[in-house]
Structure formats: C-alpha cells, structure tokens
PDB file of N, CA and C in Angstrom:
ATOM      1  N   UNK A   1     -74.769-248.756 -72.904  1.00  0.00           N
ATOM      2  CA  UNK A   1     -74.721-249.427 -71.665  1.00  0.00           C
ATOM      3  C   UNK A   1     -74.628-250.984 -71.909  1.00  0.00           C
ATOM      4  N   UNK A   2     -74.084-251.643 -70.963  1.00  0.00           N
ATOM      5  CA  UNK A   2     -73.899-253.073 -71.099  1.00  0.00           C
ATOM      6  C   UNK A   2     -75.201-253.777 -70.867  1.00  0.00           C
ATOM      7  N   UNK A   3     -75.279-254.956 -71.404  1.00  0.00           N
ATOM      8  CA  UNK A   3     -76.532-255.759 -71.303  1.00  0.00           C
ATOM      9  C   UNK A   3     -76.812-256.102 -69.850  1.00  0.00           C
ATOM     10  N   UNK A   4     -75.758-256.283 -69.040  1.00  0.00           N
ATOM     11  CA  UNK A   4     -75.928-256.614 -67.571  1.00  0.00           C
ATOM     12  C   UNK A   4     -76.594-255.553 -66.801  1.00  0.00           C
ATOM     13  N   UNK A   5     -76.202-254.343 -67.098  1.00  0.00           N
ATOM     14  CA  UNK A   5     -76.773-253.145 -66.465  1.00  0.00           C
ATOM     15  C   UNK A   5     -78.236-252.995 -66.837  1.00  0.00           C
ATOM     16  N   UNK A   6     -78.549-253.214 -68.101  1.00  0.00           N
ATOM     17  CA  UNK A   6     -79.927-253.069 -68.543  1.00  0.00           C
ATOM     18  C   UNK A   6     -80.848-254.131 -67.988  1.00  0.00           C
ATOM     19  N   UNK A   7     -80.308-255.371 -67.846  1.00  0.00           N
ATOM     20  CA  UNK A   7     -81.099-256.505 -67.250  1.00  0.00           C
ATOM     21  C   UNK A   7     -81.253-256.187 -65.731  1.00  0.00           C
ATOM     22  N   UNK A   8     -80.307-255.619 -65.027  1.00  0.00           N
ATOM     23  CA  UNK A   8     -80.354-255.399 -63.634  1.00  0.00           C
ATOM     24  C   UNK A   8     -81.402-254.330 -63.398  1.00  0.00           C
ATOM     25  N   UNK A   9     -81.440-253.246 -64.228  1.00  0.00           N
ATOM     26  CA  UNK A   9     -82.461-252.239 -64.060  1.00  0.00           C
ATOM     27  C   UNK A   9     -83.901-252.770 -64.246  1.00  0.00           C
ATOM     28  N   UNK A  10     -83.967-253.702 -65.306  1.00  0.00           N
ATOM     29  CA  UNK A  10     -85.279-254.208 -65.596  1.00  0.00           C
ATOM     30  C   UNK A  10     -85.817-255.099 -64.452  1.00  0.00           C
ATOM     31  N   UNK A  11     -84.877-255.872 -63.829  1.00  0.00           N
ATOM     32  CA  UNK A  11     -85.259-256.686 -62.684  1.00  0.00           C
ATOM     33  C   UNK A  11     -85.677-255.839 -61.455  1.00  0.00           C
ATOM     34  N   UNK A  12     -84.862-254.726 -61.218  1.00  0.00           N
ATOM     35  CA  UNK A  12     -85.279-253.893 -60.066  1.00  0.00           C
ATOM     36  C   UNK A  12     -86.644-253.310 -60.328  1.00  0.00           C
ATOM     37  N   UNK A  13     -86.896-252.791 -61.579  1.00  0.00           N
ATOM     38  CA  UNK A  13     -88.229-252.237 -61.831  1.00  0.00           C
ATOM     39  C   UNK A  13     -89.317-253.226 -61.711  1.00  0.00           C
ATOM     40  N   UNK A  14     -89.005-254.454 -62.215  1.00  0.00           N
ATOM     41  CA  UNK A  14     -90.024-255.527 -62.078  1.00  0.00           C
ATOM     42  C   UNK A  14     -90.367-255.818 -60.659  1.00  0.00           C
ATOM     43  N   UNK A  15     -89.377-255.907 -59.870  1.00  0.00           N
ATOM     44  CA  UNK A  15     -89.568-256.161 -58.352  1.00  0.00           C
ATOM     45  C   UNK A  15     -90.333-255.076 -57.740  1.00  0.00           C
ATOM     46  N   UNK A  16     -90.012-253.823 -58.104  1.00  0.00           N
ATOM     47  CA  UNK A  16     -90.753-252.617 -57.571  1.00  0.00           C
ATOM     48  C   UNK A  16     -92.289-252.782 -58.002  1.00  0.00           C
ATOM     49  N   UNK A  17     -92.523-253.149 -59.287  1.00  0.00           N
ATOM     50  CA  UNK A  17     -93.879-253.310 -59.746  1.00  0.00           C
ATOM     51  C   UNK A  17     -94.641-254.374 -58.966  1.00  0.00           C
ATOM     52  N   UNK A  18     -93.999-255.496 -58.688  1.00  0.00           N
ATOM     53  CA  UNK A  18     -94.661-256.506 -57.863  1.00  0.00           C
ATOM     54  C   UNK A  18     -94.888-256.119 -56.528  1.00  0.00           C
ATOM     55  N   UNK A  19     -94.088-255.273 -55.962  1.00  0.00           N
ATOM     56  CA  UNK A  19     -94.291-254.759 -54.640  1.00  0.00           C
ATOM     57  C   UNK A  19     -95.502-253.883 -54.614  1.00  0.00           C
ATOM     58  N   UNK A  20     -95.689-252.979 -55.619  1.00  0.00           N
ATOM     59  CA  UNK A  20     -96.864-252.139 -55.730  1.00  0.00           C
ATOM     60  C   UNK A  20     -98.109-252.988 -55.845  1.00  0.00           C
ATOM     61  N   UNK A  21     -98.062-253.988 -56.733  1.00  0.00           N
ATOM     62  CA  UNK A  21     -99.271-254.824 -56.825  1.00  0.00           C
ATOM     63  C   UNK A  21     -99.627-255.561 -55.603  1.00  0.00           C
ATOM     64  N   UNK A  22     -98.653-256.055 -54.907  1.00  0.00           N
ATOM     65  CA  UNK A  22     -98.911-256.668 -53.589  1.00  0.00           C
ATOM     66  C   UNK A  22     -99.501-255.741 -52.645  1.00  0.00           C
ATOM     67  N   UNK A  23     -98.867-254.599 -52.495  1.00  0.00           N
ATOM     68  CA  UNK A  23     -99.328-253.530 -51.556  1.00  0.00           C
ATOM     69  C   UNK A  23    -100.791-253.086 -51.838  1.00  0.00           C
ATOM     70  N   UNK A  24    -101.091-252.869 -53.091  1.00  0.00           N
ATOM     71  CA  UNK A  24    -102.444-252.402 -53.487  1.00  0.00           C
ATOM     72  C   UNK A  24    -103.441-253.516 -53.243  1.00  0.00           C
ATOM     73  N   UNK A  25    -103.039-254.869 -53.511  1.00  0.00           N
ATOM     74  CA  UNK A  25    -104.015-255.931 -53.327  1.00  0.00           C
ATOM     75  C   UNK A  25    -104.291-256.114 -51.768  1.00  0.00           C
ATOM     76  N   UNK A  26    -103.191-255.869 -50.943  1.00  0.00           N
ATOM     77  CA  UNK A  26    -103.428-255.966 -49.503  1.00  0.00           C
ATOM     78  C   UNK A  26    -104.218-254.784 -49.010  1.00  0.00           C
ATOM     79  N   UNK A  27    -104.159-253.667 -49.514  1.00  0.00           N
ATOM     80  CA  UNK A  27    -104.922-252.553 -49.222  1.00  0.00           C
ATOM     81  C   UNK A  27    -106.425-252.797 -49.523  1.00  0.00           C
ATOM     82  N   UNK A  28    -106.692-253.368 -50.733  1.00  0.00           N
ATOM     83  CA  UNK A  28    -107.997-253.610 -51.086  1.00  0.00           C
ATOM     84  C   UNK A  28    -108.671-254.699 -50.251  1.00  0.00           C
ATOM     85  N   UNK A  29    -107.866-255.802 -49.969  1.00  0.00           N
ATOM     86  CA  UNK A  29    -108.340-256.761 -49.049  1.00  0.00           C
ATOM     87  C   UNK A  29    -108.675-256.279 -47.680  1.00  0.00           C
ATOM     88  N   UNK A  30    -107.778-255.481 -47.139  1.00  0.00           N
ATOM     89  CA  UNK A  30    -108.071-254.916 -45.767  1.00  0.00           C
ATOM     90  C   UNK A  30    -109.323-253.998 -45.750  1.00  0.00           C
ATOM     91  N   UNK A  31    -109.490-253.158 -46.810  1.00  0.00           N
ATOM     92  CA  UNK A  31    -110.589-252.301 -46.821  1.00  0.00           C
ATOM     93  C   UNK A  31    -111.919-253.102 -46.949  1.00  0.00           C
ATOM     94  N   UNK A  32    -111.891-254.273 -47.680  1.00  0.00           N
ATOM     95  CA  UNK A  32    -113.049-255.117 -47.771  1.00  0.00           C
ATOM     96  C   UNK A  32    -113.310-255.818 -46.418  1.00  0.00           C
ATOM     97  N   UNK A  33    -112.182-256.260 -45.807  1.00  0.00           N
ATOM     98  CA  UNK A  33    -112.331-257.044 -44.597  1.00  0.00           C
ATOM     99  C   UNK A  33    -112.927-256.159 -43.468  1.00  0.00           C
ATOM    100  N   UNK A  34    -112.477-254.938 -43.411  1.00  0.00           N
ATOM    101  CA  UNK A  34    -112.943-254.046 -42.315  1.00  0.00           C
ATOM    102  C   UNK A  34    -114.123-253.266 -42.741  1.00  0.00           C
ATOM    103  N   UNK A  35    -114.716-253.646 -43.883  1.00  0.00           N
ATOM    104  CA  UNK A  35    -115.958-253.017 -44.391  1.00  0.00           C
ATOM    105  C   UNK A  35    -115.854-251.493 -44.598  1.00  0.00           C
ATOM    106  N   UNK A  36    -114.818-251.071 -45.175  1.00  0.00           N
ATOM    107  CA  UNK A  36    -114.566-249.593 -45.375  1.00  0.00           C
ATOM    108  C   UNK A  36    -114.916-249.380 -46.866  1.00  0.00           C
ATOM    109  N   UNK A  37    -116.143-249.683 -47.314  1.00  0.00           N
ATOM    110  CA  UNK A  37    -116.541-249.515 -48.729  1.00  0.00           C
ATOM    111  C   UNK A  37    -116.479-248.133 -49.171  1.00  0.00           C
ATOM    112  N   UNK A  38    -116.713-247.104 -48.262  1.00  0.00           N
ATOM    113  CA  UNK A  38    -116.655-245.767 -48.717  1.00  0.00           C
ATOM    114  C   UNK A  38    -115.270-245.367 -49.143  1.00  0.00           C
ATOM    115  N   UNK A  39    -114.235-245.782 -48.380  1.00  0.00           N
ATOM    116  CA  UNK A  39    -112.881-245.476 -48.748  1.00  0.00           C
ATOM    117  C   UNK A  39    -112.437-246.283 -49.957  1.00  0.00           C
ATOM    118  N   UNK A  40    -112.977-247.486 -50.076  1.00  0.00           N
ATOM    119  CA  UNK A  40    -112.689-248.325 -51.268  1.00  0.00           C
ATOM    120  C   UNK A  40    -113.215-247.674 -52.508  1.00  0.00           C
ATOM    121  N   UNK A  41    -114.416-247.123 -52.424  1.00  0.00           N
ATOM    122  CA  UNK A  41    -115.105-246.465 -53.455  1.00  0.00           C
ATOM    123  C   UNK A  41    -114.291-245.170 -53.943  1.00  0.00           C
ATOM    124  N   UNK A  42    -113.862-244.370 -52.946  1.00  0.00           N
ATOM    125  CA  UNK A  42    -113.091-243.170 -53.237  1.00  0.00           C
ATOM    126  C   UNK A  42    -111.782-243.552 -53.932  1.00  0.00           C
ATOM    127  N   UNK A  43    -111.054-244.478 -53.340  1.00  0.00           N
ATOM    128  CA  UNK A  43    -109.773-244.848 -53.907  1.00  0.00           C
ATOM    129  C   UNK A  43    -109.864-245.388 -55.296  1.00  0.00           C
ATOM    130  N   UNK A  44    -110.935-246.215 -55.548  1.00  0.00           N
ATOM    131  CA  UNK A  44    -111.038-246.744 -56.904  1.00  0.00           C
ATOM    132  C   UNK A  44    -111.447-245.711 -57.954  1.00  0.00           C
ATOM    133  N   UNK A  45    -112.331-244.734 -57.466  1.00  0.00           N
ATOM    134  CA  UNK A  45    -112.639-243.671 -58.403  1.00  0.00           C
ATOM    135  C   UNK A  45    -111.442-242.802 -58.710  1.00  0.00           C
ATOM    136  N   UNK A  46    -110.726-242.463 -57.619  1.00  0.00           N
ATOM    137  CA  UNK A  46    -109.429-241.689 -57.980  1.00  0.00           C
ATOM    138  C   UNK A  46    -108.427-242.463 -58.848  1.00  0.00           C
ATOM    139  N   UNK A  47    -108.315-243.749 -58.641  1.00  0.00           N
ATOM    140  CA  UNK A  47    -107.386-244.589 -59.492  1.00  0.00           C
ATOM    141  C   UNK A  47    -107.850-244.578 -60.883  1.00  0.00           C
ATOM    142  N   UNK A  48    -109.141-244.806 -61.183  1.00  0.00           N
ATOM    143  CA  UNK A  48    -109.639-244.719 -62.588  1.00  0.00           C
ATOM    144  C   UNK A  48    -109.454-243.394 -63.160  1.00  0.00           C
ATOM    145  N   UNK A  49    -109.654-242.351 -62.432  1.00  0.00           N
ATOM    146  CA  UNK A  49    -109.506-240.969 -62.898  1.00  0.00           C
ATOM    147  C   UNK A  49    -107.989-240.687 -63.276  1.00  0.00           C
ATOM    148  N   UNK A  50    -107.112-241.105 -62.427  1.00  0.00           N
ATOM    149  CA  UNK A  50    -105.739-240.938 -62.807  1.00  0.00           C
ATOM    150  C   UNK A  50    -105.330-241.721 -63.975  1.00  0.00           C
ATOM    151  N   UNK A  51    -105.858-242.981 -64.100  1.00  0.00           N
ATOM    152  CA  UNK A  51    -105.495-243.751 -65.294  1.00  0.00           C
ATOM    153  C   UNK A  51    -106.053-243.073 -66.631  1.00  0.00           C
ATOM    154  N   UNK A  52    -107.205-242.510 -66.522  1.00  0.00           N
ATOM    155  CA  UNK A  52    -107.858-241.870 -67.694  1.00  0.00           C
ATOM    156  C   UNK A  52    -107.021-240.558 -68.072  1.00  0.00           C
ATOM    157  N   UNK A  53    -106.639-239.864 -67.028  1.00  0.00           N
ATOM    158  CA  UNK A  53    -105.767-238.699 -67.391  1.00  0.00           C
ATOM    159  C   UNK A  53    -104.489-239.090 -67.940  1.00  0.00           C
ATOM    160  N   UNK A  54    -103.843-240.069 -67.497  1.00  0.00           N
ATOM    161  CA  UNK A  54    -102.536-240.570 -68.020  1.00  0.00           C
ATOM    162  C   UNK A  54    -102.798-241.034 -69.490  1.00  0.00           C
ATOM    163  N   UNK A  55    -103.822-241.703 -69.786  1.00  0.00           N
ATOM    164  CA  UNK A  55    -104.100-242.198 -71.160  1.00  0.00           C
ATOM    165  C   UNK A  55    -104.398-240.902 -72.028  1.00  0.00           C
ATOM    166  N   UNK A  56    -105.103-239.951 -71.496  1.00  0.00           N
ATOM    167  CA  UNK A  56    -105.506-238.699 -72.261  1.00  0.00           C
ATOM    168  C   UNK A  56    -104.226-237.872 -72.507  1.00  0.00           C
ATOM    169  N   UNK A  57    -103.239-237.853 -71.720  1.00  0.00           N
ATOM    170  CA  UNK A  57    -102.080-237.109 -71.828  1.00  0.00           C
ATOM    171  C   UNK A  57    -101.053-237.709 -72.768  1.00  0.00           C
ATOM    172  N   UNK A  58    -101.077-238.992 -73.002  1.00  0.00           N
ATOM    173  CA  UNK A  58    -100.113-239.644 -73.918  1.00  0.00           C
ATOM    174  C   UNK A  58    -100.363-239.149 -75.311  1.00  0.00           C
ATOM    175  N   UNK A  59     -99.355-239.001 -76.050  1.00  0.00           N
ATOM    176  CA  UNK A  59     -99.482-238.545 -77.386  1.00  0.00           C
ATOM    177  C   UNK A  59     -99.392-239.716 -78.345  1.00  0.00           C
ATOM    178  N   UNK A  60    -100.551-240.296 -78.556  1.00  0.00           N
ATOM    179  CA  UNK A  60    -100.608-241.492 -79.350  1.00  0.00           C
ATOM    180  C   UNK A  60    -100.512-241.254 -80.860  1.00  0.00           C
ATOM    181  N   UNK A  61    -100.910-239.974 -81.210  1.00  0.00           N
ATOM    182  CA  UNK A  61    -101.028-239.694 -82.579  1.00  0.00           C
ATOM    183  C   UNK A  61     -99.597-239.308 -83.251  1.00  0.00           C
ATOM    184  N   UNK A  62     -98.651-239.033 -82.418  1.00  0.00           N
ATOM    185  CA  UNK A  62     -97.361-238.586 -82.886  1.00  0.00           C
ATOM    186  C   UNK A  62     -96.326-239.721 -83.002  1.00  0.00           C
ATOM    187  N   UNK A  63     -96.759-240.957 -82.829  1.00  0.00           N
ATOM    188  CA  UNK A  63     -95.761-242.070 -82.858  1.00  0.00           C
ATOM    189  C   UNK A  63     -95.298-242.210 -84.225  1.00  0.00           C
ATOM    190  N   UNK A  64     -94.202-243.020 -84.372  1.00  0.00           N
ATOM    191  CA  UNK A  64     -93.601-243.244 -85.744  1.00  0.00           C
ATOM    192  C   UNK A  64     -94.498-244.180 -86.545  1.00  0.00           C
ATOM    193  N   UNK A  65     -95.163-245.128 -85.912  1.00  0.00           N
ATOM    194  CA  UNK A  65     -96.048-246.100 -86.657  1.00  0.00           C
ATOM    195  C   UNK A  65     -97.210-245.427 -87.255  1.00  0.00           C
ATOM    196  N   UNK A  66     -97.663-244.239 -86.665  1.00  0.00           N
ATOM    197  CA  UNK A  66     -98.860-243.639 -87.240  1.00  0.00           C
ATOM    198  C   UNK A  66     -98.521-242.866 -88.597  1.00  0.00           C
ATOM    199  N   UNK A  67     -97.333-242.683 -88.911  1.00  0.00           N
ATOM    200  CA  UNK A  67     -96.960-242.058 -90.160  1.00  0.00           C
ATOM    201  C   UNK A  67     -97.030-242.970 -91.338  1.00  0.00           C
ATOM    202  N   UNK A  68     -97.054-244.276 -91.153  1.00  0.00           N
ATOM    203  CA  UNK A  68     -97.197-245.225 -92.185  1.00  0.00           C
ATOM    204  C   UNK A  68     -98.582-245.735 -92.332  1.00  0.00           C
ATOM    205  N   UNK A  69     -99.521-245.167 -91.667  1.00  0.00           N
ATOM    206  CA  UNK A  69    -100.922-245.659 -91.709  1.00  0.00           C
ATOM    207  C   UNK A  69    -101.494-245.282 -93.056  1.00  0.00           C
ATOM    208  N   UNK A  70    -102.273-246.207 -93.587  1.00  0.00           N
ATOM    209  CA  UNK A  70    -102.867-245.949 -94.940  1.00  0.00           C
ATOM    210  C   UNK A  70    -103.934-244.846 -94.924  1.00  0.00           C
ATOM    211  N   UNK A  71    -104.165-244.116 -96.044  1.00  0.00           N
ATOM    212  CA  UNK A  71    -105.089-243.122 -96.139  1.00  0.00           C
ATOM    213  C   UNK A  71    -106.518-243.804 -96.167  1.00  0.00           C
ATOM    214  N   UNK A  72    -107.410-243.439 -95.285  1.00  0.00           N
ATOM    215  CA  UNK A  72    -108.702-244.025 -95.245  1.00  0.00           C
ATOM    216  C   UNK A  72    -109.573-243.750 -96.439  1.00  0.00           C
ATOM    217  N   UNK A  73    -109.244-242.719 -97.187  1.00  0.00           N
ATOM    218  CA  UNK A  73    -110.001-242.330 -98.340  1.00  0.00           C
ATOM    219  C   UNK A  73    -109.694-243.159 -99.512  1.00  0.00           C
ATOM    220  N   UNK A  74    -108.476-243.737 -99.500  1.00  0.00           N
ATOM    221  CA  UNK A  74    -108.019-244.575-100.595  1.00  0.00           C
ATOM    222  C   UNK A  74    -108.615-245.963-100.607  1.00  0.00           C
ATOM    223  N   UNK A  75    -109.135-246.419-101.733  1.00  0.00           N
ATOM    224  CA  UNK A  75    -109.762-247.704-101.741  1.00  0.00           C
ATOM    225  C   UNK A  75    -108.763-248.846-101.473  1.00  0.00           C
ATOM    226  N   UNK A  76    -109.231-249.897-100.846  1.00  0.00           N
ATOM    227  CA  UNK A  76    -108.378-251.040-100.525  1.00  0.00           C
ATOM    228  C   UNK A  76    -107.865-251.808-101.737  1.00  0.00           C
ATOM    229  N   UNK A  77    -106.588-252.003-101.847  1.00  0.00           N
ATOM    230  CA  UNK A  77    -106.051-252.707-102.965  1.00  0.00           C
ATOM    231  C   UNK A  77    -105.561-251.723-104.040  1.00  0.00           C
ATOM    232  N   UNK A  78    -105.992-250.440-103.953  1.00  0.00           N
ATOM    233  CA  UNK A  78    -105.560-249.480-104.988  1.00  0.00           C
ATOM    234  C   UNK A  78    -104.092-249.021-104.712  1.00  0.00           C
ATOM    235  N   UNK A  79    -103.296-249.036-105.732  1.00  0.00           N
ATOM    236  CA  UNK A  79    -101.887-248.640-105.604  1.00  0.00           C
ATOM    237  C   UNK A  79    -101.744-247.100-105.932  1.00  0.00           C
ATOM    238  N   UNK A  80    -102.728-246.552-106.595  1.00  0.00           N
ATOM    239  CA  UNK A  80    -102.657-245.079-106.938  1.00  0.00           C
ATOM    240  C   UNK A  80    -103.261-244.307-105.815  1.00  0.00           C
ATOM    241  N   UNK A  81    -102.672-243.152-105.538  1.00  0.00           N
ATOM    242  CA  UNK A  81    -103.278-242.285-104.520  1.00  0.00           C
ATOM    243  C   UNK A  81    -104.637-241.765-104.897  1.00  0.00           C
ATOM    244  N   UNK A  82    -105.505-241.593-103.948  1.00  0.00           N
ATOM    245  CA  UNK A  82    -106.851-241.064-104.225  1.00  0.00           C
ATOM    246  C   UNK A  82    -106.824-239.686-104.633  1.00  0.00           C
ATOM    247  N   UNK A  83    -107.689-239.313-105.608  1.00  0.00           N
ATOM    248  CA  UNK A  83    -107.593-237.846-106.060  1.00  0.00           C
ATOM    249  C   UNK A  83    -108.910-237.238-105.781  1.00  0.00           C
TER     250      UNK A  83
END
C-alpha cells in the first residue's frame, strides 16, 4: 500500500477514537450531572470487566520478543548456559 493510504487510514482511526473519547466523557458528565450514580457504577464495572477480559485474552507470551528473553536460572553476566 502507498504511504498516503496508510496515513489516511490512521487519521480516520484517530478521529474515530477521539469521537469515542468525547462521547464517553459526555456520557459520564451527564450521568454525574443528573445524579445517576447507579448507572455510572454499572457502566464502569462493565467497562473494567471488558478491559480485563481483553487483556486476559491477548496472547502476550507468544510474541517474538519473548523468544529472546534471558533464562532466569542463568546467572547475570554468565556467557555459558546454566547446567
């Protein structure tokens, strides 16, 4: 793909992200203003739960960088593998 297409997609995605942030901030403000703390509590609990599920589902151990991690049993500064 050309660089222009990649930049255009990134700008559209960034604009969509800012729209989400603005919308959620407005929702929180309105819930606080109209004293709907029960709804605010439920939405925040669901939001944190979704975030934790997303983090739990990501496969952090299978990344390329994890293959070059040093062996924790090997002493620091030792160039020979631990036996």
